[in-house]
N, C-alpha and C. Protein backbone atom coordinates (compact mmCIF):
# COMPACT_ATOMS: atom_id res chain seq x y z
N MET A 1 15.79 95.97 -193.28
CA MET A 1 14.39 96.41 -193.29
C MET A 1 13.80 95.71 -191.96
N ASP A 2 13.08 96.56 -191.14
CA ASP A 2 12.48 96.09 -190.03
C ASP A 2 10.98 95.55 -190.39
N LYS A 3 11.05 94.19 -190.56
CA LYS A 3 9.75 93.56 -190.89
C LYS A 3 8.60 93.70 -189.96
N GLN A 4 9.00 93.79 -188.64
CA GLN A 4 7.98 93.93 -187.75
C GLN A 4 7.15 95.27 -187.94
N ALA A 5 7.94 96.39 -188.19
CA ALA A 5 7.36 97.75 -188.56
C ALA A 5 6.44 97.61 -189.68
N VAL A 6 6.88 96.88 -190.80
CA VAL A 6 6.04 96.68 -191.97
C VAL A 6 4.75 96.01 -191.52
N HIS A 7 4.81 94.94 -190.79
CA HIS A 7 3.65 94.16 -190.40
C HIS A 7 2.77 95.10 -189.66
N HIS A 8 3.28 95.88 -188.67
CA HIS A 8 2.47 96.74 -187.87
C HIS A 8 1.77 97.71 -188.80
N ASP A 9 2.43 98.28 -189.77
CA ASP A 9 1.86 99.38 -190.74
C ASP A 9 0.74 98.53 -191.54
N LEU A 10 0.97 97.37 -192.07
CA LEU A 10 -0.05 96.67 -192.76
C LEU A 10 -1.23 96.44 -192.06
N GLU A 11 -1.16 96.03 -190.70
CA GLU A 11 -2.15 95.81 -189.83
C GLU A 11 -2.88 97.20 -189.47
N ARG A 12 -2.22 98.25 -189.28
CA ARG A 12 -2.83 99.57 -189.11
C ARG A 12 -3.65 100.01 -190.29
N ALA A 13 -3.23 99.65 -191.62
CA ALA A 13 -3.95 100.02 -192.69
C ALA A 13 -5.22 99.19 -192.78
N ARG A 14 -5.08 97.83 -192.40
CA ARG A 14 -6.22 96.89 -192.51
C ARG A 14 -7.38 97.40 -191.68
N THR A 15 -6.91 97.61 -190.44
CA THR A 15 -8.02 97.99 -189.48
C THR A 15 -8.55 99.34 -189.67
N THR A 16 -7.84 100.28 -190.23
CA THR A 16 -8.37 101.52 -190.68
C THR A 16 -9.31 101.49 -191.86
N PHE A 17 -9.01 100.63 -192.75
CA PHE A 17 -9.83 100.34 -193.89
C PHE A 17 -11.17 100.01 -193.40
N ARG A 18 -11.17 98.87 -192.62
CA ARG A 18 -12.40 98.35 -192.13
C ARG A 18 -13.30 99.38 -191.34
N ALA A 19 -12.41 100.20 -190.51
CA ALA A 19 -13.19 101.26 -189.62
C ALA A 19 -13.77 102.33 -190.57
N LEU A 20 -13.09 102.74 -191.66
CA LEU A 20 -13.66 103.61 -192.52
C LEU A 20 -14.92 103.08 -193.29
N LEU A 21 -14.88 101.97 -193.73
CA LEU A 21 -15.95 101.44 -194.40
C LEU A 21 -17.26 101.02 -193.40
N ASP A 22 -16.76 100.60 -192.24
CA ASP A 22 -17.82 100.37 -191.29
C ASP A 22 -18.51 101.61 -190.72
N GLY A 23 -17.72 102.78 -190.58
CA GLY A 23 -18.23 103.88 -190.03
C GLY A 23 -18.84 104.86 -191.02
N ALA A 24 -18.76 104.57 -192.24
CA ALA A 24 -19.37 105.47 -193.28
C ALA A 24 -20.85 105.16 -193.64
N THR A 25 -21.51 106.14 -193.59
CA THR A 25 -22.89 106.04 -194.24
C THR A 25 -22.96 105.90 -195.73
N ASP A 26 -24.04 105.45 -196.25
CA ASP A 26 -24.20 105.38 -197.69
C ASP A 26 -23.85 106.70 -198.38
N ASP A 27 -24.48 107.82 -197.67
CA ASP A 27 -24.32 109.05 -198.29
C ASP A 27 -22.80 109.51 -198.18
N ASP A 28 -22.16 109.23 -197.13
CA ASP A 28 -20.68 109.44 -196.90
C ASP A 28 -19.92 108.86 -198.18
N LEU A 29 -20.40 107.64 -198.45
CA LEU A 29 -19.65 106.88 -199.48
C LEU A 29 -19.80 107.41 -200.86
N ARG A 30 -21.10 107.97 -201.09
CA ARG A 30 -21.48 108.61 -202.44
C ARG A 30 -20.93 110.06 -202.48
N ARG A 31 -20.51 110.68 -201.45
CA ARG A 31 -19.91 112.05 -201.49
C ARG A 31 -18.57 112.06 -202.35
N ARG A 32 -18.29 113.08 -202.92
CA ARG A 32 -17.04 113.24 -203.81
C ARG A 32 -15.97 113.43 -202.79
N SER A 33 -14.81 112.66 -203.17
CA SER A 33 -13.68 112.84 -202.31
C SER A 33 -13.02 114.18 -202.57
N ASN A 34 -12.03 114.57 -201.80
CA ASN A 34 -11.25 115.75 -202.01
C ASN A 34 -10.04 115.60 -202.90
N GLY A 35 -10.16 116.50 -204.00
CA GLY A 35 -8.97 116.47 -204.87
C GLY A 35 -8.96 115.35 -205.90
N THR A 36 -9.99 114.46 -206.12
CA THR A 36 -9.98 113.42 -207.03
C THR A 36 -11.37 113.44 -207.75
N LEU A 37 -11.54 112.81 -208.82
CA LEU A 37 -12.83 112.73 -209.54
C LEU A 37 -13.74 111.58 -208.88
N TRP A 38 -13.14 110.85 -207.98
CA TRP A 38 -13.88 109.65 -207.55
C TRP A 38 -14.74 110.09 -206.28
N THR A 39 -15.85 109.26 -205.90
CA THR A 39 -16.56 109.38 -204.82
C THR A 39 -15.57 108.66 -203.62
N ASN A 40 -16.09 108.82 -202.42
CA ASN A 40 -15.28 108.28 -201.38
C ASN A 40 -15.22 106.74 -201.48
N ARG A 41 -16.31 106.09 -201.87
CA ARG A 41 -16.36 104.60 -202.08
C ARG A 41 -15.34 104.26 -203.21
N GLN A 42 -15.26 105.00 -204.27
CA GLN A 42 -14.42 104.59 -205.43
C GLN A 42 -12.92 104.89 -204.96
N LEU A 43 -12.75 105.90 -204.18
CA LEU A 43 -11.32 106.10 -203.66
C LEU A 43 -10.96 105.02 -202.80
N LEU A 44 -11.87 104.50 -201.89
CA LEU A 44 -11.57 103.48 -201.03
C LEU A 44 -11.21 102.21 -201.77
N PHE A 45 -11.83 101.92 -202.89
CA PHE A 45 -11.47 100.82 -203.61
C PHE A 45 -10.12 101.00 -204.30
N HIS A 46 -9.83 102.20 -204.81
CA HIS A 46 -8.55 102.59 -205.23
C HIS A 46 -7.49 102.34 -204.27
N MET A 47 -7.71 102.69 -203.02
CA MET A 47 -6.74 102.37 -201.91
C MET A 47 -6.53 100.92 -201.71
N LEU A 48 -7.64 100.26 -201.84
CA LEU A 48 -7.61 98.75 -201.71
C LEU A 48 -6.74 98.12 -202.90
N LEU A 49 -6.73 98.75 -204.06
CA LEU A 49 -5.92 98.35 -205.28
C LEU A 49 -4.64 98.36 -205.06
N GLY A 50 -4.15 99.35 -204.24
CA GLY A 50 -2.77 99.47 -203.93
C GLY A 50 -2.10 98.16 -203.20
N PHE A 51 -3.00 97.60 -202.48
CA PHE A 51 -2.64 96.24 -201.83
C PHE A 51 -2.74 95.15 -202.79
N LEU A 52 -3.86 95.13 -203.62
CA LEU A 52 -4.05 94.02 -204.51
C LEU A 52 -2.99 93.92 -205.58
N ILE A 53 -2.35 95.06 -205.99
CA ILE A 53 -1.41 94.86 -207.10
C ILE A 53 -0.10 94.35 -206.60
N MET A 54 0.11 94.24 -205.35
CA MET A 54 1.44 93.95 -204.88
C MET A 54 1.93 92.65 -205.33
N ARG A 55 1.09 91.53 -205.36
CA ARG A 55 1.51 90.20 -205.92
C ARG A 55 2.28 90.50 -207.20
N ALA A 56 1.70 91.26 -208.19
CA ALA A 56 2.40 91.52 -209.56
C ALA A 56 3.50 92.34 -209.35
N LEU A 57 3.47 93.31 -208.64
CA LEU A 57 4.71 94.19 -208.46
C LEU A 57 5.87 93.56 -207.84
N LEU A 58 5.56 92.66 -206.90
CA LEU A 58 6.74 91.94 -206.30
C LEU A 58 7.40 90.84 -207.23
N ALA A 59 6.41 90.22 -208.02
CA ALA A 59 7.01 89.20 -209.12
C ALA A 59 7.71 89.99 -210.24
N LEU A 60 7.23 91.09 -210.65
CA LEU A 60 7.92 91.92 -211.67
C LEU A 60 9.31 92.30 -211.18
N ALA A 61 9.37 92.94 -209.80
CA ALA A 61 10.65 93.33 -209.38
C ALA A 61 11.65 92.22 -209.29
N LYS A 62 11.16 90.98 -208.98
CA LYS A 62 12.14 89.88 -208.90
C LYS A 62 12.73 89.41 -210.28
N VAL A 63 11.84 89.45 -211.09
CA VAL A 63 12.15 89.16 -212.47
C VAL A 63 13.14 90.26 -213.12
N MET A 64 12.77 91.33 -212.92
CA MET A 64 13.63 92.58 -213.48
C MET A 64 14.93 92.69 -212.86
N ALA A 65 15.06 92.39 -211.60
CA ALA A 65 16.33 92.44 -210.84
C ALA A 65 17.35 91.39 -211.39
N ARG A 66 16.81 90.30 -212.08
CA ARG A 66 17.79 89.40 -212.84
C ARG A 66 18.25 89.84 -214.14
N LEU A 67 17.68 90.80 -214.67
CA LEU A 67 18.05 91.38 -216.04
C LEU A 67 18.98 92.44 -215.92
N PRO A 68 19.75 92.78 -217.02
CA PRO A 68 20.57 94.00 -216.93
C PRO A 68 19.97 95.23 -216.57
N ASP A 69 20.58 96.27 -215.88
CA ASP A 69 20.04 97.48 -215.49
C ASP A 69 19.39 98.21 -216.65
N ARG A 70 20.00 98.25 -217.78
CA ARG A 70 19.47 98.95 -218.91
C ARG A 70 18.05 98.50 -219.41
N VAL A 71 17.80 97.26 -219.05
CA VAL A 71 16.46 96.70 -219.39
C VAL A 71 15.33 97.24 -218.38
N GLY A 72 15.67 97.42 -217.15
CA GLY A 72 14.84 97.89 -216.14
C GLY A 72 14.61 99.38 -216.37
N ARG A 73 15.65 100.08 -216.77
CA ARG A 73 15.49 101.63 -216.99
C ARG A 73 14.66 101.69 -218.30
N GLY A 74 14.79 100.88 -219.32
CA GLY A 74 13.99 100.98 -220.53
C GLY A 74 12.50 100.66 -220.22
N TRP A 75 12.37 99.66 -219.29
CA TRP A 75 11.02 99.31 -219.00
C TRP A 75 10.29 100.59 -218.32
N ALA A 76 10.93 101.13 -217.24
CA ALA A 76 10.40 102.31 -216.60
C ALA A 76 10.13 103.47 -217.52
N ARG A 77 11.00 103.77 -218.52
CA ARG A 77 10.77 104.70 -219.46
C ARG A 77 9.54 104.44 -220.44
N LEU A 78 9.54 103.29 -220.70
CA LEU A 78 8.36 102.81 -221.52
C LEU A 78 7.02 103.13 -220.81
N LEU A 79 7.00 102.61 -219.50
CA LEU A 79 5.75 102.67 -218.67
C LEU A 79 5.47 104.31 -218.38
N ASN A 80 6.53 105.01 -218.19
CA ASN A 80 6.32 106.39 -218.00
C ASN A 80 5.66 107.19 -219.41
N ALA A 81 6.05 106.61 -220.35
CA ALA A 81 5.58 107.21 -221.61
C ALA A 81 4.07 106.70 -221.76
N GLY A 82 3.69 105.75 -221.20
CA GLY A 82 2.38 105.20 -221.28
C GLY A 82 1.44 105.77 -220.00
N THR A 83 1.78 106.82 -219.46
CA THR A 83 1.08 107.18 -218.23
C THR A 83 -0.37 107.57 -218.52
N LYS A 84 -0.69 108.17 -219.72
CA LYS A 84 -1.97 108.65 -220.04
C LYS A 84 -2.97 107.51 -220.17
N PRO A 85 -2.56 106.37 -220.86
CA PRO A 85 -3.41 105.21 -220.82
C PRO A 85 -3.51 104.54 -219.63
N PHE A 86 -2.57 104.49 -218.79
CA PHE A 86 -2.59 103.92 -217.50
C PHE A 86 -3.56 104.61 -216.55
N ASP A 87 -3.36 106.13 -216.66
CA ASP A 87 -4.30 106.82 -215.83
C ASP A 87 -5.78 106.56 -216.16
N VAL A 88 -6.09 106.43 -217.52
CA VAL A 88 -7.46 106.04 -217.76
C VAL A 88 -7.92 104.83 -217.22
N VAL A 89 -7.07 103.76 -217.34
CA VAL A 89 -7.52 102.44 -216.86
C VAL A 89 -7.50 102.42 -215.36
N ASN A 90 -6.63 103.13 -214.60
CA ASN A 90 -6.60 103.25 -213.15
C ASN A 90 -7.83 103.91 -212.68
N PHE A 91 -8.21 104.95 -213.38
CA PHE A 91 -9.44 105.76 -213.08
C PHE A 91 -10.64 104.77 -213.27
N ALA A 92 -10.81 104.24 -214.38
CA ALA A 92 -11.89 103.58 -214.70
C ALA A 92 -12.02 102.34 -213.93
N GLY A 93 -10.99 101.64 -213.56
CA GLY A 93 -11.07 100.47 -212.72
C GLY A 93 -11.38 100.68 -211.30
N SER A 94 -10.92 101.84 -210.75
CA SER A 94 -11.29 102.22 -209.52
C SER A 94 -12.80 102.68 -209.43
N TRP A 95 -13.15 103.37 -210.52
CA TRP A 95 -14.64 103.74 -210.53
C TRP A 95 -15.56 102.70 -210.68
N LEU A 96 -15.15 101.78 -211.48
CA LEU A 96 -16.11 100.50 -211.70
C LEU A 96 -16.04 99.66 -210.46
N GLY A 97 -14.94 99.34 -209.79
CA GLY A 97 -14.86 98.46 -208.58
C GLY A 97 -15.55 99.20 -207.46
N GLY A 98 -15.26 100.48 -207.32
CA GLY A 98 -15.85 101.21 -206.21
C GLY A 98 -17.32 101.40 -206.42
N SER A 99 -17.91 101.30 -207.56
CA SER A 99 -19.18 101.53 -207.66
C SER A 99 -20.02 100.21 -207.60
N THR A 100 -19.37 99.05 -207.75
CA THR A 100 -20.07 97.93 -207.76
C THR A 100 -19.78 96.86 -206.72
N MET A 101 -18.60 97.01 -206.11
CA MET A 101 -18.20 95.97 -205.17
C MET A 101 -18.94 96.30 -203.91
N PRO A 102 -19.62 95.41 -203.12
CA PRO A 102 -20.26 95.59 -201.92
C PRO A 102 -19.09 95.87 -200.88
N ARG A 103 -19.42 96.76 -199.89
CA ARG A 103 -18.47 97.06 -198.90
C ARG A 103 -17.89 96.00 -198.11
N LYS A 104 -18.85 95.06 -197.79
CA LYS A 104 -18.33 93.84 -197.06
C LYS A 104 -17.31 93.04 -197.92
N ALA A 105 -17.54 92.99 -199.21
CA ALA A 105 -16.61 92.25 -200.11
C ALA A 105 -15.23 92.94 -200.04
N MET A 106 -15.35 94.26 -200.09
CA MET A 106 -14.05 95.06 -200.07
C MET A 106 -13.16 94.64 -198.74
N VAL A 107 -14.01 94.58 -197.66
CA VAL A 107 -13.28 94.45 -196.38
C VAL A 107 -12.75 93.00 -196.38
N VAL A 108 -13.45 91.96 -196.95
CA VAL A 108 -13.01 90.60 -196.95
C VAL A 108 -11.77 90.62 -197.77
N LEU A 109 -11.84 91.24 -198.97
CA LEU A 109 -10.80 91.17 -199.93
C LEU A 109 -9.46 91.77 -199.34
N CYS A 110 -9.70 92.94 -198.54
CA CYS A 110 -8.52 93.57 -197.87
C CYS A 110 -7.86 92.69 -196.85
N ASP A 111 -8.80 92.10 -195.97
CA ASP A 111 -8.31 91.17 -195.06
C ASP A 111 -7.51 90.11 -195.49
N ARG A 112 -7.99 89.45 -196.56
CA ARG A 112 -7.19 88.23 -197.26
C ARG A 112 -5.91 88.76 -197.97
N CYS A 113 -6.07 89.96 -198.56
CA CYS A 113 -4.85 90.31 -199.34
C CYS A 113 -3.69 90.77 -198.26
N ILE A 114 -3.97 91.47 -197.12
CA ILE A 114 -3.04 91.82 -196.29
C ILE A 114 -2.39 90.48 -195.54
N ALA A 115 -3.33 89.62 -195.25
CA ALA A 115 -2.93 88.38 -194.58
C ALA A 115 -1.86 87.75 -195.46
N ALA A 116 -2.16 87.71 -196.80
CA ALA A 116 -1.23 87.08 -197.66
C ALA A 116 0.10 87.90 -197.80
N LEU A 117 0.02 89.17 -197.73
CA LEU A 117 1.27 89.98 -197.67
C LEU A 117 2.07 89.75 -196.51
N HIS A 118 1.44 89.49 -195.31
CA HIS A 118 2.13 89.10 -193.92
C HIS A 118 2.84 87.74 -194.19
N ARG A 119 2.14 86.75 -194.70
CA ARG A 119 2.89 85.48 -195.00
C ARG A 119 4.00 85.63 -195.97
N ARG A 120 3.76 86.47 -197.07
CA ARG A 120 4.79 86.36 -198.08
C ARG A 120 6.03 87.17 -197.46
N LEU A 121 5.74 88.37 -196.74
CA LEU A 121 6.90 89.10 -196.13
C LEU A 121 7.63 88.09 -195.14
N ASP A 122 7.01 87.35 -194.42
CA ASP A 122 7.79 86.49 -193.39
C ASP A 122 8.75 85.56 -194.16
N ARG A 123 8.41 85.19 -195.48
CA ARG A 123 9.16 84.34 -196.25
C ARG A 123 10.43 84.95 -196.98
N GLU A 124 10.41 86.31 -196.96
CA GLU A 124 11.41 86.98 -197.72
C GLU A 124 12.81 86.87 -197.02
N SER A 125 13.81 86.64 -197.76
CA SER A 125 15.12 86.79 -197.30
C SER A 125 15.78 88.29 -197.24
N ASP A 126 16.66 88.60 -196.47
CA ASP A 126 17.25 89.93 -196.68
C ASP A 126 17.86 90.13 -198.05
N SER A 127 18.51 89.18 -198.69
CA SER A 127 18.83 89.36 -199.99
C SER A 127 17.82 89.54 -201.14
N GLY A 128 16.63 88.90 -200.83
CA GLY A 128 15.45 89.03 -201.67
C GLY A 128 14.92 90.41 -201.54
N LEU A 129 14.88 90.90 -200.26
CA LEU A 129 14.34 92.39 -200.08
C LEU A 129 15.15 93.42 -200.58
N ALA A 130 16.43 93.10 -200.81
CA ALA A 130 17.38 94.11 -201.34
C ALA A 130 17.31 94.30 -202.90
N LYS A 131 16.68 93.16 -203.50
CA LYS A 131 16.55 93.31 -204.97
C LYS A 131 15.56 94.43 -205.33
N GLY A 132 15.66 94.86 -206.73
CA GLY A 132 14.73 96.01 -206.99
C GLY A 132 14.87 96.29 -208.51
N MET A 133 14.18 97.35 -208.80
CA MET A 133 14.14 97.67 -210.07
C MET A 133 13.74 99.20 -210.42
N PRO A 134 14.07 99.83 -211.50
CA PRO A 134 13.61 101.20 -211.65
C PRO A 134 11.94 101.19 -211.84
N TYR A 135 11.28 102.32 -211.38
CA TYR A 135 9.98 102.43 -211.48
C TYR A 135 9.45 103.44 -212.26
N PRO A 136 8.17 103.61 -212.93
CA PRO A 136 7.62 104.71 -213.58
C PRO A 136 7.09 105.70 -212.61
N THR A 137 7.91 106.64 -212.30
CA THR A 137 7.66 107.81 -211.35
C THR A 137 6.35 108.53 -211.63
N ARG A 138 5.98 108.62 -212.93
CA ARG A 138 4.75 109.29 -213.19
C ARG A 138 3.53 108.50 -213.03
N TRP A 139 3.51 107.27 -212.57
CA TRP A 139 2.37 106.52 -212.41
C TRP A 139 1.74 106.67 -211.08
N ASP A 140 2.68 107.02 -209.99
CA ASP A 140 2.05 107.04 -208.63
C ASP A 140 2.98 107.99 -207.86
N PRO A 141 2.43 108.91 -207.06
CA PRO A 141 3.27 109.79 -206.31
C PRO A 141 4.18 108.99 -205.17
N CYS A 142 3.88 107.82 -204.88
CA CYS A 142 4.62 107.00 -204.02
C CYS A 142 5.66 106.16 -204.59
N PHE A 143 5.77 106.15 -206.05
CA PHE A 143 6.81 105.44 -206.62
C PHE A 143 8.13 106.25 -206.75
N ARG A 144 9.23 105.61 -206.55
CA ARG A 144 10.58 106.34 -206.71
C ARG A 144 11.25 105.77 -207.88
N GLU A 145 12.36 106.28 -208.17
CA GLU A 145 13.03 106.05 -209.49
C GLU A 145 13.53 104.51 -209.43
N PHE A 146 13.93 103.97 -208.24
CA PHE A 146 14.31 102.70 -208.04
C PHE A 146 13.82 102.36 -206.84
N MET A 147 13.12 101.14 -206.72
CA MET A 147 12.56 100.50 -205.63
C MET A 147 12.88 99.19 -205.47
N THR A 148 13.40 98.87 -204.14
CA THR A 148 13.59 97.50 -203.71
C THR A 148 12.31 96.89 -203.43
N VAL A 149 12.50 95.50 -203.32
CA VAL A 149 11.28 94.76 -202.73
C VAL A 149 10.84 95.18 -201.42
N ALA A 150 11.97 95.50 -200.55
CA ALA A 150 11.51 96.14 -199.26
C ALA A 150 10.74 97.34 -199.47
N ASP A 151 11.08 98.26 -200.32
CA ASP A 151 10.29 99.53 -200.68
C ASP A 151 8.88 99.19 -201.07
N LEU A 152 8.77 98.13 -201.85
CA LEU A 152 7.47 97.66 -202.33
C LEU A 152 6.59 97.16 -201.41
N TYR A 153 7.06 96.59 -200.24
CA TYR A 153 6.25 96.17 -199.21
C TYR A 153 5.70 97.36 -198.26
N ARG A 154 6.45 98.49 -198.54
CA ARG A 154 6.08 99.75 -197.81
C ARG A 154 5.08 100.47 -198.66
N PHE A 155 5.17 100.34 -199.98
CA PHE A 155 4.39 101.11 -200.91
C PHE A 155 2.89 101.10 -200.55
N PRO A 156 2.10 99.89 -200.39
CA PRO A 156 0.68 99.86 -200.25
C PRO A 156 0.21 100.79 -199.10
N VAL A 157 0.98 100.88 -198.05
CA VAL A 157 0.54 101.71 -196.94
C VAL A 157 0.78 103.08 -197.17
N ARG A 158 1.91 103.38 -197.84
CA ARG A 158 2.27 104.86 -198.23
C ARG A 158 1.11 105.36 -199.13
N HIS A 159 0.74 104.55 -200.00
CA HIS A 159 -0.33 104.86 -201.07
C HIS A 159 -1.64 104.96 -200.26
N PHE A 160 -1.89 104.02 -199.42
CA PHE A 160 -3.19 104.04 -198.51
C PHE A 160 -3.18 105.44 -197.70
N ASP A 161 -2.03 105.81 -197.05
CA ASP A 161 -2.10 106.94 -196.25
C ASP A 161 -2.09 108.25 -197.15
N PHE A 162 -1.56 108.24 -198.26
CA PHE A 162 -1.70 109.45 -199.15
C PHE A 162 -3.09 109.63 -199.50
N HIS A 163 -3.80 108.49 -199.94
CA HIS A 163 -5.15 108.70 -200.31
C HIS A 163 -6.22 108.87 -199.20
N ARG A 164 -5.73 108.51 -198.03
CA ARG A 164 -6.75 108.66 -196.89
C ARG A 164 -6.96 110.09 -196.61
N GLU A 165 -5.92 110.99 -196.85
CA GLU A 165 -6.13 112.38 -196.62
C GLU A 165 -7.06 112.99 -197.68
N GLN A 166 -7.49 112.24 -198.79
CA GLN A 166 -8.48 112.78 -199.79
C GLN A 166 -9.84 112.35 -199.52
N LEU A 167 -10.08 111.43 -198.58
CA LEU A 167 -11.52 111.07 -198.19
C LEU A 167 -12.21 112.22 -197.60
N SER A 168 -13.50 112.34 -197.88
CA SER A 168 -14.31 113.48 -197.27
C SER A 168 -15.34 112.85 -196.32
N LEU A 169 -15.01 111.82 -195.60
CA LEU A 169 -15.84 111.00 -194.68
C LEU A 169 -16.05 112.06 -193.47
N HIS A 170 -17.27 112.01 -192.91
CA HIS A 170 -17.43 112.66 -191.57
C HIS A 170 -17.39 111.84 -190.54
């Protein structure tokens, strides 16, 4: 894994997130996004969630990597079976967070979260980055059937870039 490339991508997402929020008018943020039921502001919060969930995803991957493969596959099947409730919670959380969190707070939270990801990535060993687990592919278009810790560090930027295309900001 090229850690420098991941650091670069994280920084690109951080500066883009800031620029999107700083450059948007209140009307822009209230406008419906393209292809989702969220407003632009709610979608931006959802994009931020992709970075915020990383701490939990990384910890889960490290625990699951220690267990037999069948446990991880079973866990992924169980999560895939729970896609509908996950979608409801995912939608409602992004709707609520994007409707209530001030844009300055979203920027600060993004900055802090990405700074923490930089520090954490710097501490990762090659063997730690190679560990992984099966993932629920129905939960997110950026999830693959098996993801390593290295893949997880790339996930939030892929998620960000995917949803960036759905924003209807002018």
